[in-house]
Amino acid sequence: MHIAPYDNQNAPIVDSGNDCVPLNFFNIVKLKRGDSFESTVPGFETCIAPATGTVDVEIGDFRAEAIGGRGVDVWDGEPEGVYVPTGRTARITCRSDAAEVFIAGAKFDEVLEPFAVRADELDIVQYGSDDTKTHRKIKHILGQKQAGKVGRLLVSELYTVGKGGWSGFPSHKHDTDALPDETRHDETYNFRFRPNYGSGLQLLQREGDDVGEAYHIVDGSTVCIDRGYHPCVVMPGYEMYYFTILGGLSQRSLVQNFQDTHADQVKTIPGILDMVAKFK
């Protein structure tokens, strides 16, 4: 499902109980200096991650100051985030002139402990190549390094390296709990482009080799993926970014099932197995 960019006025774009991705939550909150916003999502653990700007985050007695710090866009520095335990209220206060804040969530019953993830604690992996048109970098905010501290939520930022190319290829899916071959993880993306008038396509191929659907994605597009194979591509001459939320049904570690038709392509893409191993 594609959700075109709109002014959500700090209301959830993907709310709890969403029909397409019931395991996910997503909100974009925009604040000015001194403004505060309180986020409470019953039944969901969340991650507060500024796209731009700097915020303080308070969760009860826990306080994380000066989270974020990027300037004009998501290419302008490294991400940071704060983990918010299930159902807890987080108060976000803007310290910069303005801030755009992503709030990512996954359905989870237990209540864990809050913590901050600073830029030097990110798990970063780069893979693919210009020759294979698959060159990209992934910055895990809640990834392998946070195993044991988070329930079902994985949060990452994905960047195409260079201008143009594919992401999420070879085509894969993760819509069925069929261990050890696949896990059920609902997934939600928010896309950005540089320059911001760039665009791309999100492919969603449901079953086998049947003809699928393609969505025109633009700066600010949100895509919810409930099932099927889902590579995406950016036009030549533009860079693409997408904020990624994964919520697992039965476990946090993601097991991707590569489409049989294209599975041999795994052997042609440098570093792809290292990439797969980071979604834990």
C-alpha atoms as a PDB file:
ATOM      1  CA  MET A   1       0.000   0.000   0.000  1.00  0.00           C
ATOM      2  CA  HIS A   2       1.306   3.453  -0.958  1.00  0.00           C
ATOM      3  CA  ILE A   3       0.459   6.531   1.125  1.00  0.00           C
ATOM      4  CA  ALA A   4       1.234   9.749  -0.734  1.00  0.00           C
ATOM      5  CA  PRO A   5       2.903  12.516   1.298  1.00  0.00           C
ATOM      6  CA  TYR A   6       0.480  14.779   3.169  1.00  0.00           C
ATOM      7  CA  ASP A   7       0.400  17.041   6.226  1.00  0.00           C
ATOM      8  CA  ASN A   8      -0.408  14.524   8.952  1.00  0.00           C
ATOM      9  CA  GLN A   9      -0.386  17.270  11.627  1.00  0.00           C
ATOM     10  CA  ASN A  10       1.551  14.986  13.996  1.00  0.00           C
ATOM     11  CA  ALA A  11      -1.124  12.267  13.845  1.00  0.00           C
ATOM     12  CA  PRO A  12      -0.005   8.685  13.065  1.00  0.00           C
ATOM     13  CA  ILE A  13       0.422   7.846   9.394  1.00  0.00           C
ATOM     14  CA  VAL A  14       0.305   4.119  10.201  1.00  0.00           C
ATOM     15  CA  ASP A  15      -1.646   3.747  13.439  1.00  0.00           C
ATOM     16  CA  SER A  16      -1.827   0.709  15.703  1.00  0.00           C
ATOM     17  CA  GLY A  17      -4.249  -1.841  14.307  1.00  0.00           C
ATOM     18  CA  ASN A  18      -3.529  -0.871  10.692  1.00  0.00           C
ATOM     19  CA  ASP A  19      -5.240  -3.365   8.352  1.00  0.00           C
ATOM     20  CA  CYS A  20      -2.215  -3.721   6.040  1.00  0.00           C
ATOM     21  CA  VAL A  21       0.619  -3.855   8.596  1.00  0.00           C
ATOM     22  CA  PRO A  22      -0.901  -4.588  12.040  1.00  0.00           C
ATOM     23  CA  LEU A  23       2.560  -5.209  13.530  1.00  0.00           C
ATOM     24  CA  ASN A  24       3.809  -1.679  12.657  1.00  0.00           C
ATOM     25  CA  PHE A  25       3.306   1.897  13.857  1.00  0.00           C
ATOM     26  CA  PHE A  26       4.632   5.051  12.149  1.00  0.00           C
ATOM     27  CA  ASN A  27       4.301   8.738  12.858  1.00  0.00           C
ATOM     28  CA  ILE A  28       6.077  11.889  11.687  1.00  0.00           C
ATOM     29  CA  VAL A  29       6.138  14.710  14.220  1.00  0.00           C
ATOM     30  CA  LYS A  30       7.194  18.238  13.231  1.00  0.00           C
ATOM     31  CA  LEU A  31       8.183  20.670  15.978  1.00  0.00           C
ATOM     32  CA  LYS A  32       9.579  24.190  16.371  1.00  0.00           C
ATOM     33  CA  ARG A  33      12.097  25.263  19.004  1.00  0.00           C
ATOM     34  CA  GLY A  34      10.627  24.773  22.492  1.00  0.00           C
ATOM     35  CA  ASP A  35       7.620  22.777  21.275  1.00  0.00           C
ATOM     36  CA  SER A  36       6.874  19.455  22.984  1.00  0.00           C
ATOM     37  CA  PHE A  37       4.934  16.384  21.895  1.00  0.00           C
ATOM     38  CA  GLU A  38       3.914  13.353  23.953  1.00  0.00           C
ATOM     39  CA  SER A  39       3.859   9.934  22.291  1.00  0.00           C
ATOM     40  CA  THR A  40       2.121   6.921  23.876  1.00  0.00           C
ATOM     41  CA  VAL A  41       1.363   3.792  21.833  1.00  0.00           C
ATOM     42  CA  PRO A  42      -0.361   1.085  23.889  1.00  0.00           C
ATOM     43  CA  GLY A  43       0.802  -2.415  22.938  1.00  0.00           C
ATOM     44  CA  PHE A  44       3.744  -1.144  20.864  1.00  0.00           C
ATOM     45  CA  GLU A  45       7.418  -0.557  21.627  1.00  0.00           C
ATOM     46  CA  THR A  46       8.693   2.469  19.712  1.00  0.00           C
ATOM     47  CA  CYS A  47      11.830   4.249  18.570  1.00  0.00           C
ATOM     48  CA  ILE A  48      12.104   8.037  18.380  1.00  0.00           C
ATOM     49  CA  ALA A  49      14.543   8.988  15.602  1.00  0.00           C
ATOM     50  CA  PRO A  50      14.879  12.578  14.359  1.00  0.00           C
ATOM     51  CA  ALA A  51      15.064  12.852  10.587  1.00  0.00           C
ATOM     52  CA  THR A  52      16.391  16.383  11.076  1.00  0.00           C
ATOM     53  CA  GLY A  53      16.901  18.631  14.061  1.00  0.00           C
ATOM     54  CA  THR A  54      17.695  17.942  17.719  1.00  0.00           C
ATOM     55  CA  VAL A  55      15.342  16.872  20.515  1.00  0.00           C
ATOM     56  CA  ASP A  56      15.345  15.922  24.176  1.00  0.00           C
ATOM     57  CA  VAL A  57      13.387  12.799  25.128  1.00  0.00           C
ATOM     58  CA  GLU A  58      11.954  12.060  28.585  1.00  0.00           C
ATOM     59  CA  ILE A  59      10.417   8.717  29.591  1.00  0.00           C
ATOM     60  CA  GLY A  60       9.582   8.808  33.277  1.00  0.00           C
ATOM     61  CA  ASP A  61      12.892   9.256  35.122  1.00  0.00           C
ATOM     62  CA  PHE A  62      14.895   8.517  31.954  1.00  0.00           C
ATOM     63  CA  ARG A  63      16.182  11.495  29.969  1.00  0.00           C
ATOM     64  CA  ALA A  64      18.178  11.609  26.732  1.00  0.00           C
ATOM     65  CA  GLU A  65      19.395  15.054  25.720  1.00  0.00           C
ATOM     66  CA  ALA A  66      20.320  16.414  22.284  1.00  0.00           C
ATOM     67  CA  ILE A  67      19.226  13.408  20.233  1.00  0.00           C
ATOM     68  CA  GLY A  68      19.778  13.914  16.512  1.00  0.00           C
ATOM     69  CA  GLY A  69      21.490  16.975  15.140  1.00  0.00           C
ATOM     70  CA  ARG A  70      21.153  16.640  11.382  1.00  0.00           C
ATOM     71  CA  GLY A  71      20.584  19.809   9.409  1.00  0.00           C
ATOM     72  CA  VAL A  72      18.808  20.241   6.103  1.00  0.00           C
ATOM     73  CA  ASP A  73      18.046  16.605   5.293  1.00  0.00           C
ATOM     74  CA  VAL A  74      18.752  12.941   6.136  1.00  0.00           C
ATOM     75  CA  TRP A  75      22.075  13.076   4.257  1.00  0.00           C
ATOM     76  CA  ASP A  76      23.349  15.782   6.600  1.00  0.00           C
ATOM     77  CA  GLY A  77      24.926  13.671   9.375  1.00  0.00           C
ATOM     78  CA  GLU A  78      24.245  10.450  11.242  1.00  0.00           C
ATOM     79  CA  PRO A  79      20.972   9.277  12.807  1.00  0.00           C
ATOM     80  CA  GLU A  80      20.348   8.777  16.510  1.00  0.00           C
ATOM     81  CA  GLY A  81      17.404   7.353  18.402  1.00  0.00           C
ATOM     82  CA  VAL A  82      15.713   6.536  21.699  1.00  0.00           C
ATOM     83  CA  TYR A  83      14.017   3.233  22.489  1.00  0.00           C
ATOM     84  CA  VAL A  84      10.648   3.659  24.206  1.00  0.00           C
ATOM     85  CA  PRO A  85       9.287   0.607  26.056  1.00  0.00           C
ATOM     86  CA  THR A  86       5.821  -0.720  25.253  1.00  0.00           C
ATOM     87  CA  GLY A  87       3.042   1.639  26.256  1.00  0.00           C
ATOM     88  CA  ARG A  88       5.314   4.167  27.996  1.00  0.00           C
ATOM     89  CA  THR A  89       4.829   7.888  27.411  1.00  0.00           C
ATOM     90  CA  ALA A  90       7.729   9.725  25.790  1.00  0.00           C
ATOM     91  CA  ARG A  91       7.887  13.519  25.888  1.00  0.00           C
ATOM     92  CA  ILE A  92       9.792  14.979  22.925  1.00  0.00           C
ATOM     93  CA  THR A  93      11.022  18.580  23.152  1.00  0.00           C
ATOM     94  CA  CYS A  94      12.597  20.405  20.229  1.00  0.00           C
ATOM     95  CA  ARG A  95      15.992  22.033  20.950  1.00  0.00           C
ATOM     96  CA  SER A  96      16.823  23.200  17.423  1.00  0.00           C
ATOM     97  CA  ASP A  97      14.997  25.782  15.319  1.00  0.00           C
ATOM     98  CA  ALA A  98      12.903  22.934  13.919  1.00  0.00           C
ATOM     99  CA  ALA A  99      12.816  19.148  13.999  1.00  0.00           C
ATOM    100  CA  GLU A 100      11.170  16.414  11.971  1.00  0.00           C
ATOM    101  CA  VAL A 101      10.934  13.280  14.090  1.00  0.00           C
ATOM    102  CA  PHE A 102      10.182   9.728  13.000  1.00  0.00           C
ATOM    103  CA  ILE A 103       8.392   7.489  15.524  1.00  0.00           C
ATOM    104  CA  ALA A 104       8.638   3.809  14.573  1.00  0.00           C
ATOM    105  CA  GLY A 105       6.843   1.007  16.397  1.00  0.00           C
ATOM    106  CA  ALA A 106       6.323  -2.738  16.557  1.00  0.00           C
ATOM    107  CA  LYS A 107       3.666  -4.695  18.414  1.00  0.00           C
ATOM    108  CA  PHE A 108       5.122  -6.196  21.592  1.00  0.00           C
ATOM    109  CA  ASP A 109       3.608  -7.126  24.965  1.00  0.00           C
ATOM    110  CA  GLU A 110       6.543  -6.957  27.387  1.00  0.00           C
ATOM    111  CA  VAL A 111       7.831  -3.740  28.939  1.00  0.00           C
ATOM    112  CA  LEU A 112      11.626  -3.370  28.731  1.00  0.00           C
ATOM    113  CA  GLU A 113      13.943  -0.464  29.636  1.00  0.00           C
ATOM    114  CA  PRO A 114      14.484   2.782  27.691  1.00  0.00           C
ATOM    115  CA  PHE A 115      17.877   3.633  26.214  1.00  0.00           C
ATOM    116  CA  ALA A 116      19.474   5.988  23.706  1.00  0.00           C
ATOM    117  CA  VAL A 117      21.436   5.083  20.570  1.00  0.00           C
ATOM    118  CA  ARG A 118      24.104   7.643  19.700  1.00  0.00           C
ATOM    119  CA  ALA A 119      25.840   8.089  16.362  1.00  0.00           C
ATOM    120  CA  ASP A 120      28.919   6.143  17.480  1.00  0.00           C
ATOM    121  CA  GLU A 121      26.710   3.178  18.460  1.00  0.00           C
ATOM    122  CA  LEU A 122      25.141   2.623  15.040  1.00  0.00           C
ATOM    123  CA  ASP A 123      25.643  -0.619  13.165  1.00  0.00           C
ATOM    124  CA  ILE A 124      26.588   0.380   9.607  1.00  0.00           C
ATOM    125  CA  VAL A 125      26.994  -1.942   6.639  1.00  0.00           C
ATOM    126  CA  GLN A 126      27.669  -1.151   2.988  1.00  0.00           C
ATOM    127  CA  TYR A 127      27.198  -3.713   0.242  1.00  0.00           C
ATOM    128  CA  GLY A 128      26.527  -4.187  -3.443  1.00  0.00           C
ATOM    129  CA  SER A 129      28.396  -2.493  -6.256  1.00  0.00           C
ATOM    130  CA  ASP A 130      28.027   0.125  -8.955  1.00  0.00           C
ATOM    131  CA  ASP A 131      28.417  -2.601 -11.595  1.00  0.00           C
ATOM    132  CA  THR A 132      25.431  -4.561 -10.278  1.00  0.00           C
ATOM    133  CA  LYS A 133      23.373  -1.361  -9.737  1.00  0.00           C
ATOM    134  CA  THR A 134      22.826  -2.464  -6.109  1.00  0.00           C
ATOM    135  CA  HIS A 135      25.274  -0.278  -4.178  1.00  0.00           C
ATOM    136  CA  ARG A 136      23.810   0.883  -0.845  1.00  0.00           C
ATOM    137  CA  LYS A 137      24.532   1.664   2.789  1.00  0.00           C
ATOM    138  CA  ILE A 138      22.407   0.672   5.779  1.00  0.00           C
ATOM    139  CA  LYS A 139      22.545   2.448   9.143  1.00  0.00           C
ATOM    140  CA  HIS A 140      20.922   0.324  11.836  1.00  0.00           C
ATOM    141  CA  ILE A 141      19.522   2.394  14.698  1.00  0.00           C
ATOM    142  CA  LEU A 142      17.935  -0.627  16.365  1.00  0.00           C
ATOM    143  CA  GLY A 143      19.808  -3.567  14.880  1.00  0.00           C
ATOM    144  CA  GLN A 144      22.096  -6.391  15.872  1.00  0.00           C
ATOM    145  CA  LYS A 145      23.899  -4.319  18.524  1.00  0.00           C
ATOM    146  CA  GLN A 146      20.646  -3.903  20.455  1.00  0.00           C
ATOM    147  CA  ALA A 147      19.756  -7.615  20.551  1.00  0.00           C
ATOM    148  CA  GLY A 148      18.379  -8.530  23.965  1.00  0.00           C
ATOM    149  CA  LYS A 149      17.303  -4.950  24.717  1.00  0.00           C
ATOM    150  CA  VAL A 150      14.421  -4.778  22.211  1.00  0.00           C
ATOM    151  CA  GLY A 151      11.426  -7.051  21.690  1.00  0.00           C
ATOM    152  CA  ARG A 152      10.323  -7.255  18.025  1.00  0.00           C
ATOM    153  CA  LEU A 153      11.384  -3.919  16.521  1.00  0.00           C
ATOM    154  CA  LEU A 154      14.094  -3.305  13.901  1.00  0.00           C
ATOM    155  CA  VAL A 155      14.749   0.278  12.735  1.00  0.00           C
ATOM    156  CA  SER A 156      17.190   1.247   9.989  1.00  0.00           C
ATOM    157  CA  GLU A 157      18.012   3.898   7.417  1.00  0.00           C
ATOM    158  CA  LEU A 158      18.834   2.706   3.893  1.00  0.00           C
ATOM    159  CA  TYR A 159      20.684   4.800   1.307  1.00  0.00           C
ATOM    160  CA  THR A 160      21.418   4.163  -2.330  1.00  0.00           C
ATOM    161  CA  VAL A 161      25.116   4.857  -2.988  1.00  0.00           C
ATOM    162  CA  GLY A 162      25.623   6.823  -6.167  1.00  0.00           C
ATOM    163  CA  LYS A 163      22.792   8.057  -8.333  1.00  0.00           C
ATOM    164  CA  GLY A 164      20.282   5.489  -9.509  1.00  0.00           C
ATOM    165  CA  GLY A 165      20.040   1.779  -8.804  1.00  0.00           C
ATOM    166  CA  TRP A 166      18.100  -0.952  -7.056  1.00  0.00           C
ATOM    167  CA  SER A 167      17.474  -1.705  -3.413  1.00  0.00           C
ATOM    168  CA  GLY A 168      15.906  -4.782  -1.839  1.00  0.00           C
ATOM    169  CA  PHE A 169      17.261  -6.961  -4.625  1.00  0.00           C
ATOM    170  CA  PRO A 170      17.390  -9.923  -5.134  1.00  0.00           C
ATOM    171  CA  SER A 171      13.648  -9.860  -4.574  1.00  0.00           C
ATOM    172  CA  HIS A 172      12.727 -11.275  -1.179  1.00  0.00           C
ATOM    173  CA  LYS A 173       9.748 -11.605   1.114  1.00  0.00           C
ATOM    174  CA  HIS A 174       9.103 -12.145   4.833  1.00  0.00           C
ATOM    175  CA  ASP A 175       5.366 -12.580   5.230  1.00  0.00           C
ATOM    176  CA  THR A 176       5.131 -16.112   6.662  1.00  0.00           C
ATOM    177  CA  ASP A 177       6.448 -17.702   9.841  1.00  0.00           C
ATOM    178  CA  ALA A 178       8.098 -20.775   8.321  1.00  0.00           C
ATOM    179  CA  LEU A 179      11.348 -21.146  10.243  1.00  0.00           C
ATOM    180  CA  PRO A 180      14.148 -21.709   9.468  1.00  0.00           C
ATOM    181  CA  ASP A 181      13.401 -20.414   5.949  1.00  0.00           C
ATOM    182  CA  GLU A 182      11.331 -17.283   6.611  1.00  0.00           C
ATOM    183  CA  THR A 183       9.820 -15.083   9.321  1.00  0.00           C
ATOM    184  CA  ARG A 184       6.707 -12.910   9.369  1.00  0.00           C
ATOM    185  CA  HIS A 185       7.793  -9.281   9.592  1.00  0.00           C
ATOM    186  CA  ASP A 186       5.498  -6.426   8.590  1.00  0.00           C
ATOM    187  CA  GLU A 187       7.477  -3.564   7.018  1.00  0.00           C
ATOM    188  CA  THR A 188       6.914   0.162   6.566  1.00  0.00           C
ATOM    189  CA  TYR A 189       9.095   2.626   4.608  1.00  0.00           C
ATOM    190  CA  ASN A 190       9.284   6.407   4.355  1.00  0.00           C
ATOM    191  CA  PHE A 191      11.202   7.619   1.296  1.00  0.00           C
ATOM    192  CA  ARG A 192      13.319  10.710   0.659  1.00  0.00           C
ATOM    193  CA  PHE A 193      15.178  11.759  -2.507  1.00  0.00           C
ATOM    194  CA  ARG A 194      18.132  14.034  -3.254  1.00  0.00           C
ATOM    195  CA  PRO A 195      17.386  16.355  -5.010  1.00  0.00           C
ATOM    196  CA  ASN A 196      13.921  16.167  -3.446  1.00  0.00           C
ATOM    197  CA  TYR A 197      12.139  16.229  -6.808  1.00  0.00           C
ATOM    198  CA  GLY A 198      13.592  12.793  -7.609  1.00  0.00           C
ATOM    199  CA  SER A 199      11.423   9.706  -7.573  1.00  0.00           C
ATOM    200  CA  GLY A 200      11.404   5.952  -8.057  1.00  0.00           C
ATOM    201  CA  LEU A 201       9.274   2.833  -8.130  1.00  0.00           C
ATOM    202  CA  GLN A 202       8.306   0.333  -5.442  1.00  0.00           C
ATOM    203  CA  LEU A 203       7.536  -3.103  -6.869  1.00  0.00           C
ATOM    204  CA  LEU A 204       5.247  -5.471  -5.001  1.00  0.00           C
ATOM    205  CA  GLN A 205       5.036  -8.954  -6.470  1.00  0.00           C
ATOM    206  CA  ARG A 206       2.596 -11.091  -4.565  1.00  0.00           C
ATOM    207  CA  GLU A 207       3.146 -14.789  -5.293  1.00  0.00           C
ATOM    208  CA  GLY A 208       5.550 -16.861  -7.379  1.00  0.00           C
ATOM    209  CA  ASP A 209       6.261 -15.196 -10.714  1.00  0.00           C
ATOM    210  CA  ASP A 210       2.846 -13.561 -11.119  1.00  0.00           C
ATOM    211  CA  VAL A 211       2.793 -10.004 -12.447  1.00  0.00           C
ATOM    212  CA  GLY A 212       2.869  -7.550  -9.554  1.00  0.00           C
ATOM    213  CA  GLU A 213       2.079  -3.919  -8.814  1.00  0.00           C
ATOM    214  CA  ALA A 214       4.320  -0.840  -9.037  1.00  0.00           C
ATOM    215  CA  TYR A 215       3.912   2.354  -7.009  1.00  0.00           C
ATOM    216  CA  HIS A 216       5.330   5.741  -7.974  1.00  0.00           C
ATOM    217  CA  ILE A 217       7.282   6.830  -4.880  1.00  0.00           C
ATOM    218  CA  VAL A 218       8.218  10.474  -4.313  1.00  0.00           C
ATOM    219  CA  ASP A 219       9.868  12.492  -1.536  1.00  0.00           C
ATOM    220  CA  GLY A 220       7.821  11.718   1.595  1.00  0.00           C
ATOM    221  CA  SER A 221       6.045   8.624   0.277  1.00  0.00           C
ATOM    222  CA  THR A 222       5.152   5.958   2.842  1.00  0.00           C
ATOM    223  CA  VAL A 223       4.871   2.334   1.722  1.00  0.00           C
ATOM    224  CA  CYS A 224       3.376  -0.477   3.827  1.00  0.00           C
ATOM    225  CA  ILE A 225       4.370  -4.019   2.882  1.00  0.00           C
ATOM    226  CA  ASP A 226       2.231  -6.832   4.211  1.00  0.00           C
ATOM    227  CA  ARG A 227       3.285  -9.638   1.867  1.00  0.00           C
ATOM    228  CA  GLY A 228       5.135 -10.442  -1.326  1.00  0.00           C
ATOM    229  CA  TYR A 229       8.500  -9.638  -2.915  1.00  0.00           C
ATOM    230  CA  HIS A 230       9.350  -5.931  -2.759  1.00  0.00           C
ATOM    231  CA  PRO A 231      12.442  -4.450  -4.457  1.00  0.00           C
ATOM    232  CA  CYS A 232      12.519  -0.726  -5.259  1.00  0.00           C
ATOM    233  CA  VAL A 233      14.487   1.455  -7.656  1.00  0.00           C
ATOM    234  CA  VAL A 234      15.470   5.114  -7.984  1.00  0.00           C
ATOM    235  CA  MET A 235      15.785   7.035 -11.238  1.00  0.00           C
ATOM    236  CA  PRO A 236      19.279   7.662 -12.653  1.00  0.00           C
ATOM    237  CA  GLY A 237      20.692  10.967 -11.433  1.00  0.00           C
ATOM    238  CA  TYR A 238      19.020  10.843  -7.982  1.00  0.00           C
ATOM    239  CA  GLU A 239      19.848   9.438  -4.563  1.00  0.00           C
ATOM    240  CA  MET A 240      17.242   7.573  -2.528  1.00  0.00           C
ATOM    241  CA  TYR A 241      16.816   7.075   1.211  1.00  0.00           C
ATOM    242  CA  TYR A 242      14.212   5.170   3.124  1.00  0.00           C
ATOM    243  CA  PHE A 243      13.491   4.919   6.824  1.00  0.00           C
ATOM    244  CA  THR A 244      12.662   1.284   7.547  1.00  0.00           C
ATOM    245  CA  ILE A 245      10.457  -0.227  10.250  1.00  0.00           C
ATOM    246  CA  LEU A 246      10.273  -3.998  10.703  1.00  0.00           C
ATOM    247  CA  GLY A 247       8.012  -5.647  13.283  1.00  0.00           C
ATOM    248  CA  GLY A 248       8.282  -9.387  13.838  1.00  0.00           C
ATOM    249  CA  LEU A 249       5.343 -11.614  14.696  1.00  0.00           C
ATOM    250  CA  SER A 250       7.191 -14.270  16.715  1.00  0.00           C
ATOM    251  CA  GLN A 251      10.817 -13.084  16.883  1.00  0.00           C
ATOM    252  CA  ARG A 252      12.984 -10.041  16.253  1.00  0.00           C
ATOM    253  CA  SER A 253      15.540 -11.613  13.892  1.00  0.00           C
ATOM    254  CA  LEU A 254      14.519 -11.264  10.269  1.00  0.00           C
ATOM    255  CA  VAL A 255      14.789 -14.264   7.922  1.00  0.00           C
ATOM    256  CA  GLN A 256      14.338 -13.239   4.296  1.00  0.00           C
ATOM    257  CA  ASN A 257      13.077 -15.674   1.670  1.00  0.00           C
ATOM    258  CA  PHE A 258      14.690 -14.823  -1.682  1.00  0.00           C
ATOM    259  CA  GLN A 259      12.551 -15.329  -4.763  1.00  0.00           C
ATOM    260  CA  ASP A 260      13.598 -18.551  -6.500  1.00  0.00           C
ATOM    261  CA  THR A 261      13.661 -16.875  -9.911  1.00  0.00           C
ATOM    262  CA  HIS A 262      16.369 -14.429  -8.820  1.00  0.00           C
ATOM    263  CA  ALA A 263      18.043 -16.252  -5.926  1.00  0.00           C
ATOM    264  CA  ASP A 264      21.247 -16.886  -7.897  1.00  0.00           C
ATOM    265  CA  GLN A 265      21.780 -13.125  -8.017  1.00  0.00           C
ATOM    266  CA  VAL A 266      22.859 -13.304  -4.354  1.00  0.00           C
ATOM    267  CA  LYS A 267      26.182 -14.680  -5.641  1.00  0.00           C
ATOM    268  CA  THR A 268      26.741 -11.608  -7.845  1.00  0.00           C
ATOM    269  CA  ILE A 269      26.226  -8.892  -5.202  1.00  0.00           C
ATOM    270  CA  PRO A 270      29.258  -8.232  -2.960  1.00  0.00           C
ATOM    271  CA  GLY A 271      28.574  -8.245   0.778  1.00  0.00           C
ATOM    272  CA  ILE A 272      24.888  -9.138   0.622  1.00  0.00           C
ATOM    273  CA  LEU A 273      25.177 -11.987   3.136  1.00  0.00           C
ATOM    274  CA  ASP A 274      26.786  -9.594   5.618  1.00  0.00           C
ATOM    275  CA  MET A 275      23.798  -7.304   5.111  1.00  0.00           C
ATOM    276  CA  VAL A 276      21.330 -10.124   5.774  1.00  0.00           C
ATOM    277  CA  ALA A 277      23.127 -11.046   8.993  1.00  0.00           C
ATOM    278  CA  LYS A 278      22.658  -7.545  10.478  1.00  0.00           C
ATOM    279  CA  PHE A 279      18.854  -7.774  10.673  1.00  0.00           C
ATOM    280  CA  LYS A 280      18.906  -9.596  14.021  1.00  0.00           C
END
